[in-house]
Amino acid sequence: MIFERWFQHQLNHSAILLRLEKKITDMEKLLEALQQKPPSENRKEQDPAKPPIMIEYLNIEKVNIDRYEQSNNFGALGIKTLEGKLNIGANYGNGEVVPKEMQKWFEEKLKNNAVKNHHKKQAGGIKYSPPKTTIRPRSGGST
């Protein structure tokens, strides 16, 4: 009884092995046939009726980004000179760039006004008095 089961088991396995070997040989033949043909012929045989798809214009309305990584390596950054302004927050009207000609005109106007005021002071038209200051010691202890 045990030998009979074992023999049946061996026969079943040998039949399965024979089928698998036949499938492998068929696949090897098909692979050889495909390798001998150029790739363009394989494409023509598969789908000769469909033309290739050409995209001329692509409109993307919405992009969803799952993950965005950004790395800044400032360790290798060398700064030789630093010029300009750093504006943090709301700076209304402070970022205007004044043209050089206008800046020169403004400086000349300030110089002229300073010279006029100086001449008025010397002529006695305007009396100059230094501001009054008082110096008080700190309260609550002596140092």
N, C-alpha and C. Protein backbone atom coordinates (compact mmCIF):
# COMPACT_ATOMS: atom_id res chain seq x y z
N MET A 1 0.81 -1.18 0.00
CA MET A 1 0.00 0.00 0.00
C MET A 1 0.87 1.26 0.00
N ILE A 2 1.87 1.29 0.81
CA ILE A 2 2.76 2.45 0.88
C ILE A 2 3.52 2.57 -0.44
N PHE A 3 3.97 1.44 -0.95
CA PHE A 3 4.71 1.47 -2.21
C PHE A 3 3.81 1.93 -3.37
N GLU A 4 2.58 1.52 -3.32
CA GLU A 4 1.65 1.91 -4.37
C GLU A 4 1.43 3.42 -4.37
N ARG A 5 1.24 4.03 -3.19
CA ARG A 5 1.09 5.48 -3.08
C ARG A 5 2.36 6.19 -3.55
N TRP A 6 3.47 5.67 -3.12
CA TRP A 6 4.74 6.29 -3.49
C TRP A 6 4.92 6.26 -5.01
N PHE A 7 4.58 5.13 -5.63
CA PHE A 7 4.70 4.97 -7.07
C PHE A 7 3.75 5.93 -7.80
N GLN A 8 2.50 6.07 -7.31
CA GLN A 8 1.54 7.00 -7.91
C GLN A 8 2.04 8.45 -7.79
N HIS A 9 2.62 8.74 -6.62
CA HIS A 9 3.16 10.08 -6.38
C HIS A 9 4.30 10.38 -7.36
N GLN A 10 5.16 9.42 -7.58
CA GLN A 10 6.27 9.59 -8.52
C GLN A 10 5.76 9.76 -9.95
N LEU A 11 4.74 9.03 -10.33
CA LEU A 11 4.18 9.14 -11.67
C LEU A 11 3.55 10.53 -11.87
N ASN A 12 2.83 11.01 -10.86
CA ASN A 12 2.21 12.35 -10.96
C ASN A 12 3.29 13.43 -11.11
N HIS A 13 4.33 13.30 -10.32
CA HIS A 13 5.41 14.29 -10.40
C HIS A 13 6.13 14.23 -11.73
N SER A 14 6.31 13.05 -12.24
CA SER A 14 7.01 12.94 -13.54
C SER A 14 6.14 13.52 -14.66
N ALA A 15 4.81 13.37 -14.58
CA ALA A 15 3.93 13.94 -15.59
C ALA A 15 3.98 15.47 -15.51
N ILE A 16 4.00 16.01 -14.31
CA ILE A 16 4.09 17.47 -14.14
C ILE A 16 5.42 17.97 -14.67
N LEU A 17 6.49 17.25 -14.38
CA LEU A 17 7.82 17.65 -14.87
C LEU A 17 7.87 17.62 -16.39
N LEU A 18 7.25 16.62 -17.01
CA LEU A 18 7.24 16.54 -18.47
C LEU A 18 6.49 17.73 -19.08
N ARG A 19 5.34 18.12 -18.47
CA ARG A 19 4.61 19.28 -18.97
C ARG A 19 5.42 20.57 -18.82
N LEU A 20 6.07 20.72 -17.68
CA LEU A 20 6.88 21.92 -17.47
C LEU A 20 8.05 21.99 -18.44
N GLU A 21 8.70 20.87 -18.68
CA GLU A 21 9.81 20.84 -19.64
C GLU A 21 9.34 21.21 -21.04
N LYS A 22 8.14 20.75 -21.43
CA LYS A 22 7.60 21.08 -22.75
C LYS A 22 7.32 22.57 -22.84
N LYS A 23 6.75 23.17 -21.78
CA LYS A 23 6.49 24.61 -21.79
C LYS A 23 7.79 25.40 -21.88
N ILE A 24 8.80 24.96 -21.20
CA ILE A 24 10.10 25.67 -21.22
C ILE A 24 10.69 25.62 -22.62
N THR A 25 10.64 24.46 -23.27
CA THR A 25 11.20 24.36 -24.63
C THR A 25 10.41 25.23 -25.62
N ASP A 26 9.09 25.29 -25.46
CA ASP A 26 8.27 26.15 -26.33
C ASP A 26 8.64 27.62 -26.13
N MET A 27 8.82 28.02 -24.90
CA MET A 27 9.19 29.41 -24.61
C MET A 27 10.58 29.75 -25.15
N GLU A 28 11.50 28.81 -25.05
CA GLU A 28 12.85 29.05 -25.58
C GLU A 28 12.81 29.23 -27.10
N LYS A 29 11.98 28.45 -27.79
CA LYS A 29 11.85 28.59 -29.24
C LYS A 29 11.26 29.96 -29.60
N LEU A 30 10.23 30.37 -28.86
CA LEU A 30 9.62 31.67 -29.10
C LEU A 30 10.59 32.81 -28.84
N LEU A 31 11.39 32.69 -27.80
CA LEU A 31 12.38 33.72 -27.48
C LEU A 31 13.44 33.81 -28.57
N GLU A 32 13.88 32.71 -29.07
CA GLU A 32 14.87 32.72 -30.16
C GLU A 32 14.29 33.37 -31.41
N ALA A 33 13.02 33.08 -31.71
CA ALA A 33 12.39 33.68 -32.88
C ALA A 33 12.27 35.20 -32.72
N LEU A 34 11.95 35.66 -31.53
CA LEU A 34 11.82 37.10 -31.28
C LEU A 34 13.19 37.80 -31.32
N GLN A 35 14.22 37.12 -30.87
CA GLN A 35 15.55 37.72 -30.86
C GLN A 35 16.12 37.85 -32.27
N GLN A 36 15.73 36.99 -33.17
CA GLN A 36 16.25 37.03 -34.54
C GLN A 36 15.63 38.18 -35.33
N LYS A 37 14.42 38.61 -35.00
CA LYS A 37 13.76 39.70 -35.71
C LYS A 37 14.19 41.04 -35.12
N PRO A 38 14.33 42.08 -35.95
CA PRO A 38 14.61 43.41 -35.40
C PRO A 38 13.41 43.93 -34.61
N PRO A 39 13.64 44.85 -33.66
CA PRO A 39 12.52 45.34 -32.83
C PRO A 39 11.44 46.06 -33.63
N SER A 40 11.78 46.69 -34.74
CA SER A 40 10.77 47.40 -35.52
C SER A 40 9.76 46.42 -36.13
N GLU A 41 10.22 45.24 -36.54
CA GLU A 41 9.29 44.25 -37.10
C GLU A 41 8.34 43.72 -36.03
N ASN A 42 8.85 43.57 -34.80
CA ASN A 42 7.99 43.09 -33.72
C ASN A 42 6.86 44.08 -33.46
N ARG A 43 7.15 45.36 -33.52
CA ARG A 43 6.12 46.37 -33.28
C ARG A 43 5.08 46.37 -34.39
N LYS A 44 5.53 46.19 -35.63
CA LYS A 44 4.60 46.20 -36.75
C LYS A 44 3.65 45.01 -36.68
N GLU A 45 4.16 43.87 -36.25
CA GLU A 45 3.31 42.70 -36.16
C GLU A 45 2.29 42.83 -35.03
N GLN A 46 2.67 43.49 -33.95
CA GLN A 46 1.78 43.58 -32.80
C GLN A 46 0.59 44.49 -33.07
N ASP A 47 0.83 45.70 -33.59
CA ASP A 47 -0.25 46.66 -33.74
C ASP A 47 -0.02 47.55 -34.96
N PRO A 48 -0.31 47.04 -36.17
CA PRO A 48 -0.04 47.84 -37.35
C PRO A 48 -1.08 48.95 -37.60
N ALA A 49 -2.27 48.85 -37.00
CA ALA A 49 -3.34 49.81 -37.30
C ALA A 49 -3.20 51.11 -36.50
N LYS A 50 -2.56 51.09 -35.33
CA LYS A 50 -2.49 52.27 -34.48
C LYS A 50 -1.27 53.12 -34.83
N PRO A 51 -1.47 54.41 -35.09
CA PRO A 51 -0.34 55.30 -35.34
C PRO A 51 0.32 55.69 -34.00
N PRO A 52 1.55 56.15 -34.02
CA PRO A 52 2.19 56.57 -32.75
C PRO A 52 1.52 57.83 -32.21
N ILE A 53 1.51 57.97 -30.91
CA ILE A 53 0.86 59.10 -30.25
C ILE A 53 1.86 60.25 -30.14
N MET A 54 1.47 61.44 -30.65
CA MET A 54 2.30 62.64 -30.57
C MET A 54 1.56 63.68 -29.74
N ILE A 55 2.17 64.17 -28.68
CA ILE A 55 1.56 65.19 -27.83
C ILE A 55 2.19 66.52 -28.18
N GLU A 56 1.39 67.46 -28.70
CA GLU A 56 1.90 68.77 -29.08
C GLU A 56 1.73 69.79 -27.97
N TYR A 57 0.66 69.70 -27.22
CA TYR A 57 0.38 70.67 -26.17
C TYR A 57 -0.16 69.93 -24.95
N LEU A 58 0.33 70.29 -23.78
CA LEU A 58 -0.09 69.64 -22.55
C LEU A 58 -0.44 70.73 -21.54
N ASN A 59 -1.66 70.73 -21.04
CA ASN A 59 -2.11 71.72 -20.08
C ASN A 59 -2.29 71.03 -18.74
N ILE A 60 -1.57 71.49 -17.71
CA ILE A 60 -1.66 70.92 -16.37
C ILE A 60 -2.37 71.94 -15.50
N GLU A 61 -3.52 71.57 -14.95
CA GLU A 61 -4.30 72.49 -14.15
C GLU A 61 -4.01 72.38 -12.66
N LYS A 62 -3.67 71.22 -12.18
CA LYS A 62 -3.45 71.04 -10.75
C LYS A 62 -2.31 70.05 -10.54
N VAL A 63 -1.40 70.38 -9.62
CA VAL A 63 -0.27 69.50 -9.31
C VAL A 63 -0.33 69.18 -7.83
N ASN A 64 -0.35 67.92 -7.51
CA ASN A 64 -0.31 67.48 -6.11
C ASN A 64 1.08 66.95 -5.81
N ILE A 65 1.71 67.51 -4.79
CA ILE A 65 3.06 67.08 -4.41
C ILE A 65 2.95 66.36 -3.08
N ASP A 66 3.36 65.10 -3.06
CA ASP A 66 3.30 64.32 -1.83
C ASP A 66 4.44 64.68 -0.89
N ARG A 67 5.62 64.87 -1.46
CA ARG A 67 6.80 65.11 -0.62
C ARG A 67 7.74 66.05 -1.33
N TYR A 68 8.24 67.05 -0.63
CA TYR A 68 9.18 68.02 -1.19
C TYR A 68 10.36 68.15 -0.25
N GLU A 69 11.54 67.90 -0.74
CA GLU A 69 12.74 68.00 0.07
C GLU A 69 13.63 69.09 -0.48
N GLN A 70 14.17 69.88 0.43
CA GLN A 70 15.08 70.95 0.03
C GLN A 70 16.23 70.95 1.02
N SER A 71 17.42 71.02 0.50
CA SER A 71 18.58 71.06 1.37
C SER A 71 19.43 72.27 1.00
N ASN A 72 19.83 73.02 2.00
CA ASN A 72 20.68 74.18 1.81
C ASN A 72 22.02 73.90 2.48
N ASN A 73 23.07 73.96 1.70
CA ASN A 73 24.41 73.75 2.24
C ASN A 73 25.12 75.11 2.30
N PHE A 74 24.89 75.83 3.39
CA PHE A 74 25.51 77.13 3.55
C PHE A 74 26.91 77.01 4.14
N GLY A 75 27.32 75.83 4.53
CA GLY A 75 28.65 75.65 5.10
C GLY A 75 29.74 75.93 4.09
N ALA A 76 29.49 75.69 2.83
CA ALA A 76 30.49 75.90 1.79
C ALA A 76 30.38 77.27 1.15
N LEU A 77 29.51 78.13 1.66
CA LEU A 77 29.27 79.44 1.07
C LEU A 77 30.23 80.45 1.68
N GLY A 78 31.00 81.15 0.85
CA GLY A 78 31.91 82.18 1.32
C GLY A 78 31.41 83.55 0.89
N ILE A 79 31.40 84.50 1.81
CA ILE A 79 30.94 85.85 1.51
C ILE A 79 32.12 86.79 1.64
N LYS A 80 32.49 87.46 0.53
CA LYS A 80 33.60 88.41 0.57
C LYS A 80 33.10 89.80 0.92
N THR A 81 32.03 90.24 0.28
CA THR A 81 31.45 91.54 0.59
C THR A 81 29.95 91.38 0.77
N LEU A 82 29.40 92.23 1.61
CA LEU A 82 27.97 92.18 1.88
C LEU A 82 27.43 93.60 1.77
N GLU A 83 26.54 93.81 0.81
CA GLU A 83 25.98 95.13 0.56
C GLU A 83 24.47 95.03 0.46
N GLY A 84 23.81 96.14 0.69
CA GLY A 84 22.37 96.18 0.48
C GLY A 84 21.61 96.26 1.78
N LYS A 85 20.33 95.97 1.72
CA LYS A 85 19.43 96.06 2.86
C LYS A 85 18.78 94.72 3.10
N LEU A 86 18.47 94.48 4.34
CA LEU A 86 17.71 93.28 4.70
C LEU A 86 16.37 93.75 5.25
N ASN A 87 15.30 93.45 4.55
CA ASN A 87 13.97 93.84 4.97
C ASN A 87 13.23 92.60 5.44
N ILE A 88 12.86 92.62 6.71
CA ILE A 88 12.10 91.50 7.27
C ILE A 88 10.75 92.05 7.69
N GLY A 89 9.69 91.46 7.21
CA GLY A 89 8.35 91.90 7.55
C GLY A 89 7.83 92.90 6.54
N ALA A 90 6.85 93.68 6.95
CA ALA A 90 6.22 94.65 6.06
C ALA A 90 7.01 95.96 6.11
N ASN A 91 7.63 96.33 5.01
CA ASN A 91 8.39 97.58 4.90
C ASN A 91 7.75 98.39 3.79
N TYR A 92 6.89 99.30 4.17
CA TYR A 92 6.14 100.05 3.18
C TYR A 92 6.94 101.27 2.75
N GLY A 93 7.39 101.27 1.50
CA GLY A 93 8.07 102.42 0.94
C GLY A 93 9.54 102.52 1.29
N ASN A 94 10.10 101.60 2.06
CA ASN A 94 11.51 101.68 2.43
C ASN A 94 12.42 101.05 1.38
N GLY A 95 11.89 100.31 0.50
CA GLY A 95 12.73 99.61 -0.46
C GLY A 95 12.93 100.35 -1.77
N GLU A 96 12.57 101.65 -1.81
CA GLU A 96 12.69 102.39 -3.05
C GLU A 96 14.15 102.73 -3.31
N VAL A 97 14.55 102.62 -4.54
CA VAL A 97 15.91 102.96 -4.95
C VAL A 97 15.88 104.35 -5.56
N VAL A 98 16.70 105.24 -5.00
CA VAL A 98 16.75 106.62 -5.49
C VAL A 98 17.82 106.70 -6.57
N PRO A 99 17.49 107.28 -7.74
CA PRO A 99 18.50 107.43 -8.78
C PRO A 99 19.67 108.29 -8.32
N LYS A 100 20.86 108.06 -8.88
CA LYS A 100 22.06 108.78 -8.45
C LYS A 100 21.95 110.28 -8.68
N GLU A 101 21.34 110.68 -9.81
CA GLU A 101 21.20 112.12 -10.09
C GLU A 101 20.34 112.79 -9.02
N MET A 102 19.24 112.13 -8.63
CA MET A 102 18.36 112.71 -7.63
C MET A 102 19.07 112.75 -6.27
N GLN A 103 19.85 111.73 -5.98
CA GLN A 103 20.57 111.70 -4.71
C GLN A 103 21.60 112.83 -4.66
N LYS A 104 22.32 113.07 -5.77
CA LYS A 104 23.29 114.18 -5.82
C LYS A 104 22.57 115.51 -5.64
N TRP A 105 21.44 115.70 -6.30
CA TRP A 105 20.67 116.94 -6.18
C TRP A 105 20.24 117.17 -4.74
N PHE A 106 19.78 116.09 -4.08
CA PHE A 106 19.32 116.19 -2.69
C PHE A 106 20.48 116.56 -1.77
N GLU A 107 21.66 115.94 -1.99
CA GLU A 107 22.83 116.27 -1.17
C GLU A 107 23.26 117.72 -1.36
N GLU A 108 23.24 118.21 -2.61
CA GLU A 108 23.58 119.61 -2.87
C GLU A 108 22.59 120.55 -2.19
N LYS A 109 21.32 120.20 -2.22
CA LYS A 109 20.28 121.02 -1.58
C LYS A 109 20.53 121.09 -0.07
N LEU A 110 20.88 119.97 0.55
CA LEU A 110 21.16 119.95 1.99
C LEU A 110 22.40 120.81 2.31
N LYS A 111 23.44 120.71 1.47
CA LYS A 111 24.65 121.51 1.69
C LYS A 111 24.32 123.00 1.58
N ASN A 112 23.55 123.38 0.56
CA ASN A 112 23.18 124.79 0.38
C ASN A 112 22.39 125.30 1.59
N ASN A 113 21.45 124.49 2.09
CA ASN A 113 20.68 124.90 3.26
C ASN A 113 21.57 125.03 4.49
N ALA A 114 22.52 124.10 4.64
CA ALA A 114 23.43 124.17 5.79
C ALA A 114 24.29 125.43 5.70
N VAL A 115 24.77 125.76 4.50
CA VAL A 115 25.59 126.97 4.32
C VAL A 115 24.77 128.21 4.62
N LYS A 116 23.53 128.28 4.16
CA LYS A 116 22.66 129.43 4.42
C LYS A 116 22.43 129.59 5.91
N ASN A 117 22.13 128.48 6.59
CA ASN A 117 21.89 128.54 8.04
C ASN A 117 23.14 129.00 8.77
N HIS A 118 24.30 128.55 8.34
CA HIS A 118 25.56 128.94 8.97
C HIS A 118 25.79 130.44 8.81
N HIS A 119 25.53 130.97 7.60
CA HIS A 119 25.70 132.40 7.36
C HIS A 119 24.72 133.22 8.19
N LYS A 120 23.49 132.74 8.35
CA LYS A 120 22.49 133.45 9.15
C LYS A 120 22.94 133.51 10.61
N LYS A 121 23.50 132.40 11.11
CA LYS A 121 23.97 132.37 12.49
C LYS A 121 25.10 133.37 12.71
N GLN A 122 26.01 133.41 11.75
CA GLN A 122 27.14 134.34 11.88
C GLN A 122 26.69 135.78 11.74
N ALA A 123 25.69 136.06 10.94
CA ALA A 123 25.20 137.42 10.73
C ALA A 123 24.35 137.89 11.90
N GLY A 124 23.96 136.99 12.76
CA GLY A 124 23.16 137.38 13.92
C GLY A 124 21.68 137.28 13.68
N GLY A 125 21.27 136.78 12.55
CA GLY A 125 19.85 136.65 12.24
C GLY A 125 19.19 135.60 13.12
N ILE A 126 19.91 134.53 13.38
CA ILE A 126 19.37 133.46 14.22
C ILE A 126 20.34 133.29 15.37
N LYS A 127 19.82 133.34 16.58
CA LYS A 127 20.69 133.15 17.73
C LYS A 127 20.77 131.65 18.01
N TYR A 128 22.00 131.21 18.13
CA TYR A 128 22.22 129.79 18.39
C TYR A 128 22.47 129.61 19.87
N SER A 129 21.76 128.71 20.46
CA SER A 129 22.01 128.37 21.87
C SER A 129 22.08 126.85 21.96
N PRO A 130 23.09 126.36 22.63
CA PRO A 130 23.21 124.90 22.74
C PRO A 130 22.06 124.35 23.59
N PRO A 131 21.71 123.10 23.39
CA PRO A 131 20.62 122.53 24.17
C PRO A 131 20.99 122.44 25.64
N LYS A 132 19.99 122.60 26.51
CA LYS A 132 20.22 122.53 27.94
C LYS A 132 20.16 121.06 28.37
N THR A 133 21.14 120.65 29.11
CA THR A 133 21.19 119.26 29.59
C THR A 133 21.43 119.27 31.08
N THR A 134 20.92 118.29 31.76
CA THR A 134 21.20 118.09 33.17
C THR A 134 21.65 116.67 33.35
N ILE A 135 22.68 116.49 34.15
CA ILE A 135 23.23 115.14 34.41
C ILE A 135 22.92 114.81 35.85
N ARG A 136 22.25 113.73 36.06
CA ARG A 136 21.88 113.29 37.39
C ARG A 136 22.52 111.94 37.69
N PRO A 137 22.92 111.73 38.94
CA PRO A 137 23.46 110.41 39.30
C PRO A 137 22.34 109.39 39.39
N ARG A 138 22.71 108.14 39.36
CA ARG A 138 21.72 107.07 39.51
C ARG A 138 21.14 107.11 40.92
N SER A 139 19.88 106.82 40.98
CA SER A 139 19.26 106.82 42.30
C SER A 139 19.27 105.41 42.87
N GLY A 140 19.35 105.31 44.16
CA GLY A 140 19.26 104.00 44.80
C GLY A 140 20.60 103.40 45.16
N GLY A 141 21.68 104.03 45.01
CA GLY A 141 22.96 103.44 45.42
C GLY A 141 24.11 104.25 44.89
N SER A 142 25.24 104.01 45.47
CA SER A 142 26.44 104.73 45.01
C SER A 142 27.44 103.74 44.44
N THR A 143 28.13 104.20 43.41
CA THR A 143 29.12 103.33 42.76
C THR A 143 30.48 103.96 42.78
